[in-house]
Each structure stands twice: as C-alpha cells, then as structure tokens.
C-alpha cells in the first residue's frame, strides 16, 4: 500500500513538471520559430526511457485512447471558434481538399511507399492513408493569431477539421483488406457513405440538441456550462462510433452548430475549451513523444526513408492534390501555393500509425517510426515557415476584426441582460463619435470605457476613440441587433 501511494505521488509530481515545462516551452516557440507542438513532443522524448529515463511508456492502446480523446477536444474547440459566415464561401473547396485531396495524397504517397519500403501494394497504400490528412491540432495552433487572409485560414481550418474521417476510413479499410483479403470492395464503399452521411446527421442533430439544452437549462453555477457543452462533444463521438459512423466528423459538425448558435455563457465556454484544448494538446504530444524511442527513430535507414517520404509528401503529393482538388475554384496561383505548403501533419497521422500496431501487422513498428519522423519534418519545416511564406506572398491582412465577447457577470436565470466587451479599431465608424450620437438599440447602455489602462465613467458627451474597450449592457433580446450594428460598422469601412 505504501509503495502504491508513493507511486501515485511520484506520478502527480512528474505530471506537474511535465505541464510546467511544456507550458514554458511555448514561451520560446515563437522566438525560435518552431511550432509548440514539436517542443511538446521533444519534452516527451527527453523524459522517456531513451532520454532521462524518468518515465517508461510503451502502451500503444493507452496512447491511442488519449490521442482520440484529445482530438475530440481539439476539434470541438476549433468548431466552436469557427464562424459559419467565414467558412460558408469556402465549404466546397475545403470539402474537396478533405476528400478528393486526401485520396490523391494517399495514393501518391502509397505508390512511393511501396518502392521505398519494399512492401506490398496494400501496405504502401496503408502508409499513404496514415499520412494523407492534415492535422487540426497543428493547423489551429500554427494559424492562430497569424492574421492570414480569412478565406485561406477558413479553408485550411475547415479542411483539417473535416479530413480526419477520410484518413481514418482509408486506414481502417486497408488494415481490413490486409487482414481479410476477401473483404468486398463494395462493402467498404458502402461503409464510407454510411460513416460520412450518418456522422453528418448525428453531428447536426446533437449540435441542435446541445445548443438548445445549454440555453434552456438553468444551472446553479456558471462553471458548469463549459462542462455541459463539452459533454455533448463526447456524446456526439460516442453515438457516432457506436453506430459505425464517423465520430470525428460528427464532433466537428456539432461544434459548428453549437458555436454558431446564440449561447448562454458563451465566453466562459470558449475560454474553458481554449484552456482545456491546450492541456490536451500538451498531454497528447508528450505521450506521443514518450511512445517513440529515439534510438530506434534516429537510425540512418529511418532518416533516409523518412526524408524521401517527406519530400514526396510535401513537394509532390500535397501540391498535386491541392491543384487537382481546386480546379476551377476561387483561388489564384499564390493562394494555391500557400495551401500546398500549409498542409501540416501532426497528431492524427501519429495516432493512426498506432492502428497497425494494434492490428499486429508485420511492418507496424517501421510505419510508426517513419510516420513520426515525417510529422517532425512537416511541423519543423512547414510549420516554422508558414507565416514568412504568407508575408512573402502578401497573403496577410493588416487589420484584425475584434471579436465581441459576452461577460457573464450575473447568474443565469436571474436577469435578461448581458455585458458585452468590445474594442474599437481605426476601422470603426463609431470612432470620434460621442455616446449620444450612437444609434444603439433601446435598453443598451455603455457602462464603462477602458482607455490607456484607465477606467472612464461614460456620459453623453464622451467621445469614442480607437483602442477604447467598451463594456456595454444589453438586453438579451437586443444582443443580436447590437452585434449586427458593430459588425456592420466594420464591414462598411472595408467596402
């Protein structure tokens, strides 16, 4: 008993050190120009059995479970933050990249893998399927706050959020074909349409139910709303998986529905999920770093094969997939070049690389090591150069539209008003106007203004200046109208 308690205490202590070190490395990631997820992986490799030998971890099943749970959280947070008005114009090209693009990428890499690894055709296409999709965790993390053109950012985020199901389907399909050569192709095709179609239905249905439940159920504590929202993400994945549908697609769709609905305690839900997503990213990438053994990874045959596959993936497969998927689309040459380079690989390929090991395939360890090397190459080279490339191609916006936050200052169910936080920019036509000149809806009251770090008590003759942060009390029934007015002001100045 004493030993068990001691081991528990040591585990808690090591977990604290891992979280602290992982959070601290994010401080240096931007200075080094390296995506933070790479540093999380390095932390796991350093403390693992081939490093400082603090933790020995080789449980592929546990890594797959943690990775799947983390992907659910990451996709849910990404969907919540995605505005439908932003992705609606790019839905068609994003879905084309998420389906046709993944198939083309997987096929080209599969052919290369067959000759590079000297494996069977099915094993080659299995490897191509594993690395065929871009990674939501990597894309969301690298693009966040970089101010890339909204259309490009929306396309990449929608693609990475919706292409995982195709990669999962192809990976499982080729594993089935390898283990059961007599498996019918028509049955596999039928399974694909079921997974995608019913996954979409489940996501839409539970998303609608979730948004209504969040708004109509009065909970005793505001802190329960973020947990309540996250529970619908887990429910969505569970229902989809149990019905053999695509759980990851369903989660992303449900998050889009919930995130684009009028939500009670929206600000708390978003901030909670943002923090929890960071925690799950850290945990997932550290565990994946623990799972790999550097002594096996950094061998000359793995390095050479990994570099060859990376070259094929980055410079051949991805560009061809982008150009073929977007034929006749709305993107120019510079934008297609950027989309080709921004196809980051991350956690999803590594998690999928665990599947052959769980299926006890012959070359599973080789696949895992090479996939891990390919992911490191992609995140280090592509992830660190996305922003400079966007600037070089002049695909970076100068202006950032400020989000409108709701601050939940009063318990739900006891009032029909909310507090809005809004920061004025140079693009707003409300700048230089006095409060009495603003045409806000009835019942709307500007309670406070933060200017240069000082709190101003507003009155009718107070002028609004760029950089001011307004705290606006608004009746819930007029919230949408106020948001439209503030957003319209931004749009008008850009026309």
Protein backbone atom coordinates (compact mmCIF):
# COMPACT_ATOMS: atom_id res chain seq x y z
CA UNK A 1 0.00 0.00 0.00
CA UNK A 2 2.83 2.39 0.90
CA UNK A 3 4.51 1.71 -2.45
CA UNK A 4 1.26 2.38 -4.34
CA UNK A 5 0.77 5.70 -2.56
CA UNK A 6 4.41 6.61 -3.29
CA UNK A 7 3.98 5.77 -6.97
CA UNK A 8 0.82 7.89 -7.13
CA UNK A 9 2.62 10.83 -5.55
CA UNK A 10 5.53 10.45 -7.96
CA UNK A 11 3.13 10.35 -10.92
CA UNK A 12 1.43 13.57 -9.77
CA UNK A 13 4.82 15.23 -9.27
CA UNK A 14 6.07 14.19 -12.73
CA UNK A 15 2.79 15.32 -14.31
CA UNK A 16 3.20 18.74 -12.71
CA UNK A 17 6.77 19.02 -14.00
CA UNK A 18 5.70 17.95 -17.49
CA UNK A 19 2.86 20.50 -17.61
CA UNK A 20 5.07 23.31 -16.28
CA UNK A 21 7.92 22.55 -18.69
CA UNK A 22 5.51 22.16 -21.62
CA UNK A 23 3.79 25.48 -20.89
CA UNK A 24 7.14 27.24 -20.51
CA UNK A 25 8.43 25.97 -23.86
CA UNK A 26 5.51 27.68 -25.59
CA UNK A 27 7.08 30.95 -24.46
CA UNK A 28 10.13 30.17 -26.58
CA UNK A 29 8.37 28.54 -29.54
CA UNK A 30 7.51 31.84 -31.23
CA UNK A 31 11.02 33.19 -30.69
CA UNK A 32 12.57 30.05 -32.14
CA UNK A 33 10.06 29.94 -34.99
CA UNK A 34 9.17 26.36 -34.07
CA UNK A 35 5.56 25.22 -33.50
CA UNK A 36 4.97 24.49 -29.83
CA UNK A 37 3.64 21.00 -30.55
CA UNK A 38 7.13 19.97 -31.72
CA UNK A 39 8.55 21.12 -28.40
CA UNK A 40 5.87 19.12 -26.55
CA UNK A 41 6.97 16.01 -28.44
CA UNK A 42 10.61 16.75 -27.59
CA UNK A 43 9.70 17.08 -23.90
CA UNK A 44 8.15 13.60 -24.05
CA UNK A 45 11.18 12.16 -25.81
CA UNK A 46 13.58 13.75 -23.31
CA UNK A 47 11.86 12.39 -20.20
CA UNK A 48 11.21 8.99 -21.80
CA UNK A 49 13.16 5.78 -21.46
CA UNK A 50 15.65 6.71 -24.19
CA UNK A 51 16.21 10.12 -22.61
CA UNK A 52 16.39 10.90 -18.91
CA UNK A 53 14.51 7.64 -18.20
CA UNK A 54 12.01 9.29 -15.87
CA UNK A 55 9.04 7.56 -17.49
CA UNK A 56 8.86 4.27 -19.37
CA UNK A 57 5.85 4.18 -21.67
CA UNK A 58 5.10 1.73 -24.49
CA UNK A 59 1.33 1.27 -24.17
CA UNK A 60 0.05 1.85 -27.72
CA UNK A 61 -3.57 1.29 -26.67
CA UNK A 62 -3.41 3.96 -23.99
CA UNK A 63 -1.71 6.38 -26.39
CA UNK A 64 -4.47 5.77 -28.95
CA UNK A 65 -7.17 6.39 -26.32
CA UNK A 66 -5.56 9.62 -25.10
CA UNK A 67 -4.96 10.76 -28.67
CA UNK A 68 -8.57 10.15 -29.67
CA UNK A 69 -9.91 11.98 -26.60
CA UNK A 70 -7.56 14.90 -27.28
CA UNK A 71 -8.65 15.07 -30.92
CA UNK A 72 -12.29 15.26 -29.82
CA UNK A 73 -11.50 18.22 -27.56
CA UNK A 74 -9.36 19.94 -30.21
CA UNK A 75 -11.94 19.52 -32.97
CA UNK A 76 -14.71 20.70 -30.65
CA UNK A 77 -12.82 23.85 -29.71
CA UNK A 78 -11.93 24.52 -33.34
CA UNK A 79 -15.55 24.13 -34.41
CA UNK A 80 -16.79 26.41 -31.62
CA UNK A 81 -14.41 29.17 -32.73
CA UNK A 82 -15.26 28.83 -36.44
CA UNK A 83 -17.83 31.25 -37.77
CA UNK A 84 -20.18 29.81 -40.37
CA UNK A 85 -20.23 33.11 -42.27
CA UNK A 86 -16.46 32.77 -42.66
CA UNK A 87 -16.33 29.17 -43.89
CA UNK A 88 -19.55 29.18 -45.94
CA UNK A 89 -17.86 30.67 -49.05
CA UNK A 90 -15.09 28.04 -48.88
CA UNK A 91 -17.12 24.95 -47.95
CA UNK A 92 -16.88 23.42 -51.41
CA UNK A 93 -13.08 23.74 -51.86
CA UNK A 94 -12.48 22.72 -48.24
CA UNK A 95 -14.58 19.57 -48.63
CA UNK A 96 -12.85 18.82 -51.92
CA UNK A 97 -9.48 19.01 -50.19
CA UNK A 98 -10.81 16.93 -47.28
CA UNK A 99 -12.00 14.11 -49.55
CA UNK A 100 -10.50 14.12 -53.06
CA UNK A 101 -7.33 15.76 -51.77
CA UNK A 102 -6.80 13.09 -49.12
CA UNK A 103 -7.36 10.27 -51.63
CA UNK A 104 -4.89 11.79 -54.13
CA UNK A 105 -2.30 12.43 -51.43
CA UNK A 106 -2.69 8.93 -50.02
CA UNK A 107 -2.42 7.38 -53.47
CA UNK A 108 0.77 9.21 -54.46
CA UNK A 109 2.47 8.59 -51.11
CA UNK A 110 1.24 4.98 -51.23
CA UNK A 111 2.95 4.35 -54.57
CA UNK A 112 6.16 5.92 -53.26
CA UNK A 113 5.96 3.88 -50.04
CA UNK A 114 5.61 0.61 -51.93
CA UNK A 115 9.01 1.13 -53.61
CA UNK A 116 10.81 2.95 -50.78
CA UNK A 117 9.88 0.37 -48.10
CA UNK A 118 9.72 -2.62 -50.47
CA UNK A 119 6.33 -3.65 -49.10
CA UNK A 120 3.12 -4.88 -50.71
CA UNK A 121 0.79 -2.53 -52.55
CA UNK A 122 -1.78 -2.72 -49.77
CA UNK A 123 0.83 -1.89 -47.13
CA UNK A 124 2.08 1.00 -49.26
CA UNK A 125 -1.40 2.47 -49.60
CA UNK A 126 -1.94 1.91 -45.87
CA UNK A 127 1.07 4.10 -45.15
CA UNK A 128 -0.20 6.71 -47.61
CA UNK A 129 -3.59 6.72 -45.87
CA UNK A 130 -1.96 7.26 -42.48
CA UNK A 131 -0.22 10.46 -43.59
CA UNK A 132 -2.94 11.53 -46.04
CA UNK A 133 -4.72 14.11 -43.89
CA UNK A 134 -3.66 17.44 -42.50
CA UNK A 135 -3.88 17.82 -38.74
CA UNK A 136 -6.39 20.03 -36.97
CA UNK A 137 -4.25 20.46 -33.85
CA UNK A 138 -1.24 21.56 -35.88
CA UNK A 139 -3.19 23.84 -38.24
CA UNK A 140 -5.23 25.51 -35.48
CA UNK A 141 -2.10 26.07 -33.37
CA UNK A 142 0.09 27.43 -36.18
CA UNK A 143 -2.51 29.73 -37.80
CA UNK A 144 -3.94 31.17 -34.60
CA UNK A 145 -3.24 34.89 -34.40
CA UNK A 146 -1.10 34.94 -37.59
CA UNK A 147 -3.61 37.14 -39.47
CA UNK A 148 -3.51 35.09 -42.69
CA UNK A 149 -6.27 36.07 -45.13
CA UNK A 150 -9.54 34.90 -43.65
CA UNK A 151 -10.54 32.89 -46.73
CA UNK A 152 -7.30 30.89 -46.68
CA UNK A 153 -7.39 30.40 -42.93
CA UNK A 154 -11.02 29.26 -43.07
CA UNK A 155 -10.23 26.81 -45.89
CA UNK A 156 -7.31 25.26 -44.03
CA UNK A 157 -9.21 25.01 -40.75
CA UNK A 158 -12.32 23.56 -42.41
CA UNK A 159 -10.16 21.08 -44.34
CA UNK A 160 -8.19 19.96 -41.29
CA UNK A 161 -11.35 19.71 -39.20
CA UNK A 162 -13.17 17.56 -41.75
CA UNK A 163 -10.47 15.45 -43.45
CA UNK A 164 -9.63 13.22 -40.49
CA UNK A 165 -12.65 10.94 -41.14
CA UNK A 166 -11.40 10.20 -44.68
CA UNK A 167 -7.92 9.30 -43.40
CA UNK A 168 -9.39 7.15 -40.61
CA UNK A 169 -11.68 5.38 -43.07
CA UNK A 170 -8.86 4.67 -45.56
CA UNK A 171 -6.53 3.47 -42.80
CA UNK A 172 -9.08 1.05 -41.34
CA UNK A 173 -10.15 -0.09 -44.81
CA UNK A 174 -6.61 -1.07 -45.84
CA UNK A 175 -6.00 -2.78 -42.49
CA UNK A 176 -9.15 -4.83 -43.12
CA UNK A 177 -8.01 -5.67 -46.65
CA UNK A 178 -4.59 -6.78 -45.37
CA UNK A 179 -6.04 -8.93 -42.58
CA UNK A 180 -9.02 -10.16 -44.62
CA UNK A 181 -8.08 -10.29 -48.31
CA UNK A 182 -11.57 -11.48 -49.23
CA UNK A 183 -13.22 -8.31 -47.95
CA UNK A 184 -15.58 -6.93 -50.60
CA UNK A 185 -14.73 -3.54 -52.09
CA UNK A 186 -18.43 -2.69 -52.44
CA UNK A 187 -18.93 -3.28 -48.72
CA UNK A 188 -16.07 -0.88 -47.95
CA UNK A 189 -17.53 1.78 -50.29
CA UNK A 190 -20.93 1.38 -48.64
CA UNK A 191 -19.29 1.73 -45.24
CA UNK A 192 -17.70 5.00 -46.37
CA UNK A 193 -21.00 6.60 -47.34
CA UNK A 194 -22.60 5.40 -44.11
CA UNK A 195 -19.79 6.77 -41.95
CA UNK A 196 -19.77 10.18 -43.61
CA UNK A 197 -23.53 10.54 -44.09
CA UNK A 198 -24.69 9.36 -40.71
CA UNK A 199 -21.78 11.14 -38.99
CA UNK A 200 -23.04 14.38 -40.53
CA UNK A 201 -26.61 13.65 -39.37
CA UNK A 202 -25.51 12.82 -35.81
CA UNK A 203 -23.41 15.99 -35.63
CA UNK A 204 -26.26 18.21 -36.81
CA UNK A 205 -28.80 16.56 -34.51
CA UNK A 206 -26.75 16.56 -31.32
CA UNK A 207 -25.46 20.05 -32.12
CA UNK A 208 -29.04 21.36 -32.24
CA UNK A 209 -29.98 19.47 -29.06
CA UNK A 210 -26.84 20.69 -27.29
CA UNK A 211 -27.33 24.37 -28.14
CA UNK A 212 -30.99 24.26 -27.01
CA UNK A 213 -30.09 22.43 -23.78
CA UNK A 214 -27.32 24.90 -22.92
CA UNK A 215 -29.67 27.85 -23.37
CA UNK A 216 -32.78 26.43 -21.69
CA UNK A 217 -31.40 24.59 -18.65
CA UNK A 218 -30.64 26.94 -15.75
CA UNK A 219 -27.65 25.56 -13.86
CA UNK A 220 -26.73 26.66 -10.36
CA UNK A 221 -23.16 27.56 -11.29
CA UNK A 222 -21.83 29.26 -14.40
CA UNK A 223 -18.79 26.97 -14.23
CA UNK A 224 -20.97 24.00 -15.18
CA UNK A 225 -21.87 25.35 -18.62
CA UNK A 226 -18.44 24.67 -20.23
CA UNK A 227 -18.51 21.10 -18.87
CA UNK A 228 -22.08 20.70 -20.07
CA UNK A 229 -21.06 21.86 -23.57
CA UNK A 230 -18.04 19.54 -23.70
CA UNK A 231 -20.20 16.60 -22.66
CA UNK A 232 -22.12 16.97 -25.93
CA UNK A 233 -18.87 16.61 -27.86
CA UNK A 234 -18.15 13.32 -26.10
CA UNK A 235 -21.77 12.23 -26.56
CA UNK A 236 -21.55 13.01 -30.27
CA UNK A 237 -18.42 10.93 -30.72
CA UNK A 238 -19.84 8.08 -28.64
CA UNK A 239 -23.14 7.87 -30.51
CA UNK A 240 -21.39 8.09 -33.90
CA UNK A 241 -18.80 5.45 -33.06
CA UNK A 242 -21.34 3.03 -31.64
CA UNK A 243 -23.34 3.30 -34.88
CA UNK A 244 -20.20 2.82 -37.02
CA UNK A 245 -20.36 6.44 -38.22
CA UNK A 246 -17.51 8.94 -38.30
CA UNK A 247 -17.15 10.28 -34.78
CA UNK A 248 -14.57 12.98 -35.60
CA UNK A 249 -16.70 14.41 -38.41
CA UNK A 250 -19.76 14.39 -36.15
CA UNK A 251 -17.88 16.24 -33.38
CA UNK A 252 -16.70 18.99 -35.74
CA UNK A 253 -20.19 19.44 -37.23
CA UNK A 254 -21.81 19.53 -33.77
CA UNK A 255 -19.26 22.13 -32.64
CA UNK A 256 -20.05 24.28 -35.71
CA UNK A 257 -23.76 24.14 -34.88
CA UNK A 258 -23.25 24.95 -31.20
CA UNK A 259 -20.64 27.63 -31.83
CA UNK A 260 -22.81 29.47 -34.35
CA UNK A 261 -25.88 29.49 -32.10
CA UNK A 262 -26.79 32.15 -29.56
CA UNK A 263 -25.30 30.67 -26.40
CA UNK A 264 -25.69 31.41 -22.74
CA UNK A 265 -22.27 31.80 -21.10
CA UNK A 266 -20.55 31.71 -24.49
CA UNK A 267 -17.43 33.49 -23.24
CA UNK A 268 -16.94 31.04 -20.38
CA UNK A 269 -17.49 28.05 -22.67
CA UNK A 270 -14.96 29.31 -25.22
CA UNK A 271 -12.30 30.22 -22.67
CA UNK A 272 -12.67 26.92 -20.82
CA UNK A 273 -12.35 24.93 -24.03
CA UNK A 274 -9.37 27.00 -25.15
CA UNK A 275 -7.51 26.20 -21.93
CA UNK A 276 -8.59 22.57 -21.90
CA UNK A 277 -7.54 22.19 -25.54
CA UNK A 278 -4.06 23.42 -24.69
CA UNK A 279 -3.89 20.91 -21.86
CA UNK A 280 -4.99 18.05 -24.12
CA UNK A 281 -2.52 19.09 -26.82
CA UNK A 282 0.27 19.07 -24.27
CA UNK A 283 -0.80 15.70 -22.87
CA UNK A 284 -1.27 14.14 -26.31
CA UNK A 285 2.03 15.26 -27.80
CA UNK A 286 4.01 14.48 -24.66
CA UNK A 287 2.55 10.96 -24.58
CA UNK A 288 3.28 10.51 -28.28
CA UNK A 289 6.82 11.67 -27.55
CA UNK A 290 7.05 9.11 -24.75
CA UNK A 291 5.80 6.37 -27.06
CA UNK A 292 8.62 6.78 -29.56
CA UNK A 293 12.14 5.53 -28.79
CA UNK A 294 14.74 7.97 -30.21
CA UNK A 295 17.33 5.20 -30.51
CA UNK A 296 15.01 3.44 -32.97
CA UNK A 297 13.78 6.63 -34.64
CA UNK A 298 17.11 8.28 -35.47
CA UNK A 299 18.64 5.45 -37.42
CA UNK A 300 20.04 6.08 -40.88
CA UNK A 301 17.53 3.86 -42.66
CA UNK A 302 14.59 5.55 -40.88
CA UNK A 303 16.05 9.02 -41.52
CA UNK A 304 16.66 8.36 -45.22
CA UNK A 305 13.27 6.71 -45.78
CA UNK A 306 11.53 9.39 -43.74
CA UNK A 307 13.18 12.20 -45.71
CA UNK A 308 12.24 10.57 -49.02
CA UNK A 309 8.60 10.20 -47.95
CA UNK A 310 8.59 13.78 -46.62
CA UNK A 311 9.89 15.09 -49.94
CA UNK A 312 7.24 13.16 -51.86
CA UNK A 313 4.50 14.28 -49.45
CA UNK A 314 5.43 17.96 -49.17
CA UNK A 315 6.75 18.72 -52.67
CA UNK A 316 4.78 16.29 -54.85
CA UNK A 317 1.65 14.72 -53.31
CA UNK A 318 0.25 17.73 -51.46
CA UNK A 319 0.71 20.25 -54.32
CA UNK A 320 -0.81 17.85 -56.87
CA UNK A 321 -3.73 17.14 -54.53
CA UNK A 322 -4.34 20.87 -53.97
CA UNK A 323 -4.20 21.81 -57.64
CA UNK A 324 -6.42 18.93 -58.76
CA UNK A 325 -8.92 19.40 -55.90
CA UNK A 326 -9.24 23.13 -56.52
CA UNK A 327 -9.52 23.07 -60.31
CA UNK A 328 -11.98 25.74 -61.31
CA UNK A 329 -12.07 27.05 -57.74
CA UNK A 330 -11.82 30.62 -56.46
CA UNK A 331 -8.12 30.55 -55.56
CA UNK A 332 -5.27 32.10 -57.52
CA UNK A 333 -1.78 30.69 -58.05
CA UNK A 334 -0.28 32.32 -54.96
CA UNK A 335 -3.13 31.09 -52.79
CA UNK A 336 -2.81 27.53 -54.11
CA UNK A 337 0.91 27.63 -53.47
CA UNK A 338 0.25 28.67 -49.89
CA UNK A 339 -2.43 26.00 -49.40
CA UNK A 340 0.01 23.41 -50.77
CA UNK A 341 2.70 24.40 -48.29
CA UNK A 342 0.31 24.71 -45.34
CA UNK A 343 -0.72 21.03 -45.33
CA UNK A 344 0.70 20.32 -41.88
CA UNK A 345 0.88 16.81 -40.49
CA UNK A 346 0.62 16.33 -36.74
CA UNK A 347 -1.11 14.21 -34.14
CA UNK A 348 -3.63 12.47 -36.42
CA UNK A 349 -1.02 10.61 -38.52
CA UNK A 350 0.81 9.54 -35.37
CA UNK A 351 -2.40 8.29 -33.76
CA UNK A 352 -3.32 6.47 -36.98
CA UNK A 353 0.18 4.99 -37.09
CA UNK A 354 -0.70 3.18 -33.85
CA UNK A 355 -3.54 1.29 -35.56
CA UNK A 356 -1.27 -1.15 -37.50
CA UNK A 357 0.45 -2.00 -34.22
CA UNK A 358 -2.90 -2.68 -32.54
CA UNK A 359 -3.81 -4.86 -35.55
CA UNK A 360 -0.44 -6.64 -35.18
CA UNK A 361 0.63 -6.03 -38.77
CA UNK A 362 4.10 -7.10 -39.83
CA UNK A 363 5.64 -3.67 -40.56
CA UNK A 364 3.77 -1.73 -37.87
CA UNK A 365 6.89 -0.53 -35.99
CA UNK A 366 8.54 0.61 -39.22
CA UNK A 367 5.42 2.54 -40.19
CA UNK A 368 5.17 4.19 -36.78
CA UNK A 369 8.80 5.34 -36.72
CA UNK A 370 8.70 6.70 -40.26
CA UNK A 371 5.37 8.46 -39.71
CA UNK A 372 6.75 10.04 -36.56
CA UNK A 373 9.79 11.27 -38.50
CA UNK A 374 7.57 12.62 -41.30
CA UNK A 375 5.44 14.53 -38.78
CA UNK A 376 8.53 16.06 -37.16
CA UNK A 377 9.80 17.09 -40.58
CA UNK A 378 6.47 18.59 -41.60
CA UNK A 379 5.95 20.58 -38.41
CA UNK A 380 9.55 21.80 -38.23
CA UNK A 381 9.91 22.83 -41.87
CA UNK A 382 6.39 23.77 -42.91
CA UNK A 383 5.12 24.93 -39.53
CA UNK A 384 8.01 27.34 -38.99
CA UNK A 385 7.78 28.85 -42.48
CA UNK A 386 4.02 29.30 -42.96
CA UNK A 387 3.92 32.86 -41.66
CA UNK A 388 7.02 34.07 -43.58
CA UNK A 389 5.61 32.50 -46.75
CA UNK A 390 2.24 34.21 -46.23
CA UNK A 391 4.01 37.56 -45.85
CA UNK A 392 6.19 36.88 -48.90
CA UNK A 393 3.11 36.09 -50.99
CA UNK A 394 1.28 39.11 -49.48
CA UNK A 395 -1.47 36.92 -48.06
CA UNK A 396 -1.50 38.54 -44.62
CA UNK A 397 -4.15 41.07 -43.60
CA UNK A 398 -3.21 44.31 -41.89
CA UNK A 399 -6.41 44.60 -39.89
CA UNK A 400 -7.86 42.18 -37.38
CA UNK A 401 -11.58 42.20 -36.69
CA UNK A 402 -12.11 42.28 -32.96
CA UNK A 403 -14.41 39.63 -31.53
CA UNK A 404 -17.39 40.59 -29.43
CA UNK A 405 -17.23 38.91 -26.04
CA UNK A 406 -20.07 38.35 -23.62
CA UNK A 407 -19.06 38.68 -19.97
CA UNK A 408 -21.24 36.62 -17.69
CA UNK A 409 -21.32 38.83 -14.62
CA UNK A 410 -24.74 37.89 -13.32
CA UNK A 411 -26.13 34.42 -12.63
CA UNK A 412 -28.11 32.87 -15.45
CA UNK A 413 -31.84 32.83 -14.94
CA UNK A 414 -31.88 35.91 -12.70
CA UNK A 415 -31.58 38.56 -15.39
CA UNK A 416 -32.33 39.15 -19.04
CA UNK A 417 -29.28 41.29 -19.74
CA UNK A 418 -25.66 40.59 -20.66
CA UNK A 419 -22.43 42.57 -20.63
CA UNK A 420 -20.65 42.93 -23.99
CA UNK A 421 -16.93 43.67 -24.23
CA UNK A 422 -15.91 45.37 -27.48
CA UNK A 423 -12.65 47.02 -28.57
CA UNK A 424 -12.85 49.89 -31.07
CA UNK A 425 -10.39 49.95 -34.00
CA UNK A 426 -9.42 52.52 -36.61
CA UNK A 427 -11.86 50.83 -38.97
CA UNK A 428 -14.92 51.58 -36.85
CA UNK A 429 -17.16 54.43 -37.95
CA UNK A 430 -18.22 54.85 -34.32
CA UNK A 431 -14.78 56.29 -33.53
CA UNK A 432 -14.74 60.01 -32.82
CA UNK A 433 -18.50 59.92 -32.13
CA UNK A 434 -19.99 60.79 -28.79
CA UNK A 435 -22.17 58.31 -26.92
CA UNK A 436 -25.29 60.34 -27.52
CA UNK A 437 -24.63 60.16 -31.27
CA UNK A 438 -24.59 56.35 -31.31
CA UNK A 439 -27.74 54.66 -32.61
CA UNK A 440 -27.80 51.64 -30.32
CA UNK A 441 -30.99 49.63 -29.67
CA UNK A 442 -33.30 50.51 -26.77
CA UNK A 443 -32.04 49.47 -23.36
CA UNK A 444 -28.37 49.38 -24.43
CA UNK A 445 -26.08 51.20 -22.01
CA UNK A 446 -22.31 51.80 -22.20
CA UNK A 447 -21.31 51.24 -18.57
CA UNK A 448 -17.55 51.76 -18.73
CA UNK A 449 -14.72 52.62 -21.11
CA UNK A 450 -11.13 51.42 -20.69
CA UNK A 451 -8.70 53.89 -22.28
CA UNK A 452 -4.92 53.64 -21.93
CA UNK A 453 -5.32 51.44 -18.88
CA UNK A 454 -7.68 53.87 -17.12
CA UNK A 455 -11.38 53.39 -16.42
CA UNK A 456 -13.60 56.21 -17.67
CA UNK A 457 -17.13 56.83 -16.45
CA UNK A 458 -19.04 57.49 -19.67
CA UNK A 459 -21.58 60.25 -20.21
CA UNK A 460 -23.38 61.64 -23.24
CA UNK A 461 -20.54 63.87 -24.46
CA UNK A 462 -17.83 61.20 -24.10
CA UNK A 463 -16.13 60.57 -27.46
CA UNK A 464 -15.22 57.05 -28.62
CA UNK A 465 -11.56 56.72 -29.62
CA UNK A 466 -9.68 53.90 -31.39
CA UNK A 467 -8.29 51.49 -28.82
CA UNK A 468 -11.15 52.08 -26.36
CA UNK A 469 -12.65 48.97 -24.82
CA UNK A 470 -16.38 49.42 -24.27
CA UNK A 471 -18.39 47.49 -21.71
CA UNK A 472 -21.95 47.55 -22.93
CA UNK A 473 -25.01 46.32 -21.03
CA UNK A 474 -27.56 44.94 -23.48
CA UNK A 475 -30.91 43.16 -23.08
CA UNK A 476 -30.64 39.63 -24.43
CA UNK A 477 -33.44 40.27 -26.91
CA UNK A 478 -31.38 43.11 -28.46
CA UNK A 479 -27.97 41.40 -28.37
CA UNK A 480 -28.08 40.18 -31.96
CA UNK A 481 -29.13 43.63 -33.19
CA UNK A 482 -26.23 45.27 -31.33
CA UNK A 483 -23.76 42.75 -32.72
CA UNK A 484 -25.03 43.42 -36.23
CA UNK A 485 -24.57 47.16 -35.78
CA UNK A 486 -21.00 46.79 -34.51
CA UNK A 487 -20.06 44.29 -37.23
CA UNK A 488 -21.73 46.35 -39.95
CA UNK A 489 -19.61 49.30 -38.94
CA UNK A 490 -16.50 47.21 -39.67
CA UNK A 491 -17.82 45.96 -42.99
CA UNK A 492 -18.83 49.42 -44.22
CA UNK A 493 -15.31 50.80 -43.76
CA UNK A 494 -13.82 47.97 -45.85
CA UNK A 495 -16.10 48.41 -48.88
